[in-house]
């Protein structure tokens, strides 16, 4: 499977970190962003609203577990997150994204 559209199950996608410089010349700082998607291919056919809600809930739980793991690593000074301070977390539901996926989008900003 070489394409996202061929993936049959739920998946976590993580984009490469981005960095923005903020502030003035003598007093600048940097914001780091990490984008994460917890998505599943939309099911076709007779999918009930209840089943769709269950899928969103399952994906949300996976995303929240990942967020908790990242927060613990930041607190413990582990791995990639050892030199950053969590600033904000934004979580947004998505529908029919990436050509037919539902789920959640999460954006972390860190200083």
N, C-alpha and C. Protein backbone atom coordinates (compact mmCIF):
# COMPACT_ATOMS: atom_id res chain seq x y z
N UNK A 1 0.83 -1.18 0.00
CA UNK A 1 0.00 0.00 0.00
C UNK A 1 0.88 1.24 0.00
N UNK A 2 0.77 2.01 -1.02
CA UNK A 2 1.62 3.18 -1.11
C UNK A 2 0.83 4.48 -1.05
N UNK A 3 -0.46 4.38 -0.96
CA UNK A 3 -1.28 5.59 -0.96
C UNK A 3 -2.22 5.59 0.24
N UNK A 4 -2.49 6.79 0.73
CA UNK A 4 -3.37 6.94 1.88
C UNK A 4 -4.75 6.36 1.58
N UNK A 5 -5.23 6.54 0.35
CA UNK A 5 -6.58 6.07 0.03
C UNK A 5 -6.71 4.55 0.10
N UNK A 6 -5.59 3.83 0.07
CA UNK A 6 -5.61 2.37 0.13
C UNK A 6 -5.60 1.82 1.55
N UNK A 7 -5.46 2.69 2.54
CA UNK A 7 -5.39 2.23 3.93
C UNK A 7 -6.80 1.92 4.42
N UNK A 8 -7.06 0.68 4.85
CA UNK A 8 -8.42 0.28 5.22
C UNK A 8 -8.83 0.62 6.65
N UNK A 9 -7.88 0.89 7.55
CA UNK A 9 -8.21 1.07 8.96
C UNK A 9 -7.90 2.49 9.40
N UNK A 10 -8.11 2.72 10.68
CA UNK A 10 -7.78 4.03 11.22
C UNK A 10 -6.26 4.21 11.27
N UNK A 11 -5.85 5.47 11.22
CA UNK A 11 -4.42 5.75 11.16
C UNK A 11 -4.15 7.09 11.85
N UNK A 12 -2.96 7.20 12.44
CA UNK A 12 -2.47 8.46 12.98
C UNK A 12 -1.42 8.99 12.02
N UNK A 13 -1.61 10.19 11.53
CA UNK A 13 -0.64 10.83 10.65
C UNK A 13 -0.02 12.00 11.40
N UNK A 14 1.28 12.14 11.30
CA UNK A 14 1.98 13.24 11.95
C UNK A 14 2.79 13.96 10.90
N UNK A 15 2.60 15.28 10.82
CA UNK A 15 3.36 16.09 9.87
C UNK A 15 4.68 16.49 10.50
N UNK A 16 5.66 16.74 9.66
CA UNK A 16 6.93 17.23 10.16
C UNK A 16 6.71 18.50 10.97
N UNK A 17 7.46 18.69 12.04
CA UNK A 17 7.32 19.91 12.84
C UNK A 17 7.62 21.16 12.02
N UNK A 18 6.90 22.22 12.32
CA UNK A 18 7.13 23.52 11.71
C UNK A 18 7.63 24.46 12.79
N UNK A 19 8.30 25.52 12.39
CA UNK A 19 8.79 26.49 13.36
C UNK A 19 8.54 27.90 12.82
N UNK A 20 8.08 28.80 13.70
CA UNK A 20 7.87 30.20 13.37
C UNK A 20 8.65 31.06 14.35
N UNK A 21 9.29 32.08 13.83
CA UNK A 21 9.99 33.03 14.68
C UNK A 21 9.02 34.14 15.04
N UNK A 22 8.93 34.46 16.33
CA UNK A 22 8.05 35.53 16.79
C UNK A 22 8.85 36.51 17.63
N UNK A 23 8.35 37.71 17.77
CA UNK A 23 9.03 38.70 18.59
C UNK A 23 9.87 39.64 17.75
N UNK A 24 10.65 40.47 18.45
CA UNK A 24 11.49 41.46 17.80
C UNK A 24 12.92 40.95 17.70
N UNK A 25 13.76 41.71 17.01
CA UNK A 25 15.13 41.29 16.76
C UNK A 25 15.89 40.90 18.02
N UNK A 26 15.83 41.74 19.04
CA UNK A 26 16.59 41.49 20.26
C UNK A 26 15.88 40.58 21.25
N UNK A 27 14.60 40.37 21.03
CA UNK A 27 13.80 39.58 21.98
C UNK A 27 12.91 38.62 21.19
N UNK A 28 13.54 37.73 20.46
CA UNK A 28 12.74 36.81 19.65
C UNK A 28 12.57 35.47 20.34
N UNK A 29 11.58 34.77 19.89
CA UNK A 29 11.29 33.43 20.40
C UNK A 29 10.81 32.60 19.21
N UNK A 30 10.66 31.33 19.44
CA UNK A 30 10.22 30.45 18.37
C UNK A 30 9.04 29.62 18.84
N UNK A 31 8.06 29.45 17.95
CA UNK A 31 6.94 28.55 18.19
C UNK A 31 7.12 27.35 17.28
N UNK A 32 7.01 26.18 17.85
CA UNK A 32 7.06 24.92 17.09
C UNK A 32 5.65 24.38 16.98
N UNK A 33 5.31 23.86 15.82
CA UNK A 33 3.99 23.28 15.59
C UNK A 33 4.13 21.83 15.17
N UNK A 34 3.25 21.01 15.69
CA UNK A 34 3.14 19.63 15.23
C UNK A 34 1.68 19.38 14.90
N UNK A 35 1.42 18.85 13.72
CA UNK A 35 0.06 18.55 13.28
C UNK A 35 -0.14 17.04 13.26
N UNK A 36 -1.25 16.62 13.87
CA UNK A 36 -1.56 15.19 13.95
C UNK A 36 -3.00 14.98 13.50
N UNK A 37 -3.23 13.94 12.70
CA UNK A 37 -4.56 13.56 12.29
C UNK A 37 -4.84 12.14 12.76
N UNK A 38 -5.97 11.93 13.41
CA UNK A 38 -6.45 10.59 13.75
C UNK A 38 -7.66 10.38 12.84
N UNK A 39 -7.49 9.56 11.82
CA UNK A 39 -8.52 9.46 10.78
C UNK A 39 -8.84 8.01 10.43
N UNK A 40 -10.01 7.86 9.82
CA UNK A 40 -10.43 6.55 9.31
C UNK A 40 -11.21 6.78 8.03
N UNK A 41 -11.01 5.91 7.07
CA UNK A 41 -11.72 6.00 5.79
C UNK A 41 -13.22 5.95 6.04
N UNK A 42 -13.95 6.87 5.41
CA UNK A 42 -15.40 6.88 5.56
C UNK A 42 -15.99 5.57 5.06
N UNK A 43 -16.89 5.03 5.84
CA UNK A 43 -17.54 3.79 5.44
C UNK A 43 -18.70 4.13 4.51
N UNK A 44 -18.84 3.33 3.48
CA UNK A 44 -19.93 3.54 2.54
C UNK A 44 -21.06 2.57 2.85
N UNK A 45 -22.20 2.85 2.31
CA UNK A 45 -23.34 1.97 2.53
C UNK A 45 -24.21 2.45 3.66
N UNK A 46 -24.81 1.52 4.36
CA UNK A 46 -25.75 1.84 5.43
C UNK A 46 -25.05 2.01 6.77
N UNK A 47 -24.36 3.11 6.93
CA UNK A 47 -23.69 3.41 8.19
C UNK A 47 -24.62 4.30 9.00
N UNK A 48 -24.96 3.84 10.20
CA UNK A 48 -25.87 4.61 11.04
C UNK A 48 -25.14 5.77 11.70
N UNK A 49 -25.91 6.74 12.15
CA UNK A 49 -25.33 7.87 12.89
C UNK A 49 -24.63 7.37 14.15
N UNK A 50 -25.22 6.37 14.80
CA UNK A 50 -24.59 5.81 16.01
C UNK A 50 -23.23 5.21 15.71
N UNK A 51 -23.12 4.48 14.60
CA UNK A 51 -21.83 3.87 14.24
C UNK A 51 -20.80 4.95 13.90
N UNK A 52 -21.24 5.98 13.20
CA UNK A 52 -20.33 7.07 12.87
C UNK A 52 -19.85 7.77 14.15
N UNK A 53 -20.75 7.95 15.11
CA UNK A 53 -20.37 8.54 16.40
C UNK A 53 -19.37 7.65 17.13
N UNK A 54 -19.57 6.33 17.08
CA UNK A 54 -18.64 5.39 17.71
C UNK A 54 -17.24 5.52 17.11
N UNK A 55 -17.18 5.65 15.79
CA UNK A 55 -15.89 5.78 15.11
C UNK A 55 -15.19 7.06 15.55
N UNK A 56 -15.92 8.17 15.59
CA UNK A 56 -15.35 9.43 16.05
C UNK A 56 -14.85 9.29 17.49
N UNK A 57 -15.64 8.63 18.35
CA UNK A 57 -15.24 8.45 19.75
C UNK A 57 -13.98 7.60 19.88
N UNK A 58 -13.89 6.52 19.08
CA UNK A 58 -12.71 5.66 19.11
C UNK A 58 -11.47 6.43 18.67
N UNK A 59 -11.60 7.21 17.61
CA UNK A 59 -10.47 8.00 17.11
C UNK A 59 -10.08 9.09 18.10
N UNK A 60 -11.09 9.69 18.73
CA UNK A 60 -10.81 10.71 19.73
C UNK A 60 -10.03 10.12 20.90
N UNK A 61 -10.41 8.93 21.32
CA UNK A 61 -9.71 8.27 22.43
C UNK A 61 -8.26 8.00 22.07
N UNK A 62 -7.99 7.53 20.85
CA UNK A 62 -6.61 7.30 20.41
C UNK A 62 -5.82 8.60 20.41
N UNK A 63 -6.44 9.67 19.93
CA UNK A 63 -5.75 10.96 19.89
C UNK A 63 -5.47 11.48 21.29
N UNK A 64 -6.44 11.35 22.19
CA UNK A 64 -6.24 11.81 23.57
C UNK A 64 -5.15 11.01 24.28
N UNK A 65 -5.05 9.72 23.99
CA UNK A 65 -3.97 8.91 24.57
C UNK A 65 -2.61 9.40 24.08
N UNK A 66 -2.53 9.75 22.81
CA UNK A 66 -1.28 10.26 22.26
C UNK A 66 -0.93 11.61 22.88
N UNK A 67 -1.92 12.48 23.04
CA UNK A 67 -1.70 13.78 23.66
C UNK A 67 -1.19 13.61 25.09
N UNK A 68 -1.80 12.69 25.82
CA UNK A 68 -1.36 12.43 27.20
C UNK A 68 0.09 11.94 27.22
N UNK A 69 0.44 11.07 26.29
CA UNK A 69 1.82 10.57 26.23
C UNK A 69 2.79 11.71 25.94
N UNK A 70 2.44 12.60 25.04
CA UNK A 70 3.30 13.74 24.72
C UNK A 70 3.44 14.65 25.93
N UNK A 71 2.35 14.91 26.64
CA UNK A 71 2.40 15.76 27.83
C UNK A 71 3.31 15.15 28.90
N UNK A 72 3.23 13.84 29.08
CA UNK A 72 4.09 13.17 30.06
C UNK A 72 5.56 13.28 29.64
N UNK A 73 5.84 13.10 28.35
CA UNK A 73 7.22 13.21 27.88
C UNK A 73 7.75 14.63 28.06
N UNK A 74 6.90 15.64 27.86
CA UNK A 74 7.33 17.02 28.08
C UNK A 74 7.65 17.23 29.56
N UNK A 75 6.78 16.75 30.45
CA UNK A 75 7.01 16.89 31.89
C UNK A 75 8.28 16.18 32.33
N UNK A 76 8.55 15.02 31.75
CA UNK A 76 9.71 14.22 32.14
C UNK A 76 10.98 14.60 31.40
N UNK A 77 10.87 15.51 30.44
CA UNK A 77 12.05 15.92 29.68
C UNK A 77 12.58 14.83 28.78
N UNK A 78 11.71 14.04 28.21
CA UNK A 78 12.13 12.90 27.39
C UNK A 78 12.16 13.24 25.91
N UNK A 79 12.96 12.56 25.18
CA UNK A 79 13.03 12.49 23.72
C UNK A 79 12.90 13.83 23.02
N UNK A 80 12.15 13.84 21.95
CA UNK A 80 11.98 15.00 21.08
C UNK A 80 11.46 16.22 21.85
N UNK A 81 10.69 16.00 22.88
CA UNK A 81 10.01 17.08 23.58
C UNK A 81 10.79 17.62 24.78
N UNK A 82 12.05 17.26 24.90
CA UNK A 82 12.81 17.62 26.10
C UNK A 82 13.09 19.11 26.24
N UNK A 83 13.09 19.86 25.16
CA UNK A 83 13.45 21.26 25.24
C UNK A 83 12.32 22.19 24.85
N UNK A 84 11.10 21.74 24.95
CA UNK A 84 9.97 22.59 24.58
C UNK A 84 8.98 22.71 25.74
N UNK A 85 8.21 23.77 25.68
CA UNK A 85 7.14 23.99 26.65
C UNK A 85 5.83 24.05 25.87
N UNK A 86 4.88 23.22 26.24
CA UNK A 86 3.60 23.17 25.55
C UNK A 86 2.87 24.49 25.71
N UNK A 87 2.40 25.06 24.61
CA UNK A 87 1.69 26.34 24.64
C UNK A 87 0.19 26.11 24.48
N UNK A 88 -0.23 25.58 23.35
CA UNK A 88 -1.66 25.32 23.12
C UNK A 88 -1.85 23.99 22.40
N UNK A 89 -3.04 23.44 22.57
CA UNK A 89 -3.47 22.26 21.82
C UNK A 89 -4.85 22.58 21.27
N UNK A 90 -5.00 22.47 19.97
CA UNK A 90 -6.30 22.69 19.32
C UNK A 90 -6.73 21.39 18.66
N UNK A 91 -7.95 20.95 18.95
CA UNK A 91 -8.47 19.71 18.38
C UNK A 91 -9.76 20.03 17.63
N UNK A 92 -9.83 19.57 16.38
CA UNK A 92 -10.97 19.89 15.52
C UNK A 92 -11.47 18.61 14.85
N UNK A 93 -12.79 18.36 14.87
CA UNK A 93 -13.30 17.21 14.11
C UNK A 93 -13.22 17.52 12.61
N UNK A 94 -12.95 16.49 11.83
CA UNK A 94 -12.90 16.67 10.37
C UNK A 94 -13.80 15.64 9.71
N UNK A 95 -14.35 16.03 8.56
CA UNK A 95 -15.28 15.17 7.83
C UNK A 95 -14.90 15.20 6.35
N UNK A 96 -14.80 14.03 5.75
CA UNK A 96 -14.49 13.89 4.33
C UNK A 96 -13.20 14.63 3.96
N UNK A 97 -12.17 14.39 4.75
CA UNK A 97 -10.88 15.04 4.59
C UNK A 97 -9.92 14.08 3.90
N UNK A 98 -8.90 14.55 3.25
CA UNK A 98 -7.95 13.72 2.52
C UNK A 98 -8.66 12.78 1.55
N UNK A 99 -9.73 13.25 0.93
CA UNK A 99 -10.42 12.44 -0.06
C UNK A 99 -11.27 11.32 0.51
N UNK A 100 -11.91 11.54 1.66
CA UNK A 100 -12.85 10.56 2.17
C UNK A 100 -12.57 10.03 3.56
N UNK A 101 -11.85 10.77 4.37
CA UNK A 101 -11.56 10.34 5.74
C UNK A 101 -12.28 11.23 6.74
N UNK A 102 -12.73 10.60 7.83
CA UNK A 102 -13.31 11.31 8.97
C UNK A 102 -12.40 11.14 10.17
N UNK A 103 -12.52 12.05 11.12
CA UNK A 103 -11.73 11.90 12.34
C UNK A 103 -11.45 13.21 13.02
N UNK A 104 -10.19 13.36 13.47
CA UNK A 104 -9.81 14.52 14.28
C UNK A 104 -8.48 15.07 13.79
N UNK A 105 -8.37 16.39 13.86
CA UNK A 105 -7.12 17.09 13.56
C UNK A 105 -6.65 17.76 14.85
N UNK A 106 -5.38 17.64 15.15
CA UNK A 106 -4.81 18.23 16.36
C UNK A 106 -3.58 19.04 16.00
N UNK A 107 -3.51 20.25 16.53
CA UNK A 107 -2.36 21.11 16.33
C UNK A 107 -1.77 21.45 17.69
N UNK A 108 -0.50 21.10 17.89
CA UNK A 108 0.24 21.46 19.10
C UNK A 108 1.10 22.66 18.77
N UNK A 109 1.11 23.65 19.64
CA UNK A 109 2.13 24.69 19.51
C UNK A 109 2.96 24.66 20.79
N UNK A 110 4.27 24.77 20.60
CA UNK A 110 5.21 24.67 21.71
C UNK A 110 6.23 25.78 21.60
N UNK A 111 6.69 26.25 22.75
CA UNK A 111 7.73 27.29 22.79
C UNK A 111 9.06 26.64 23.12
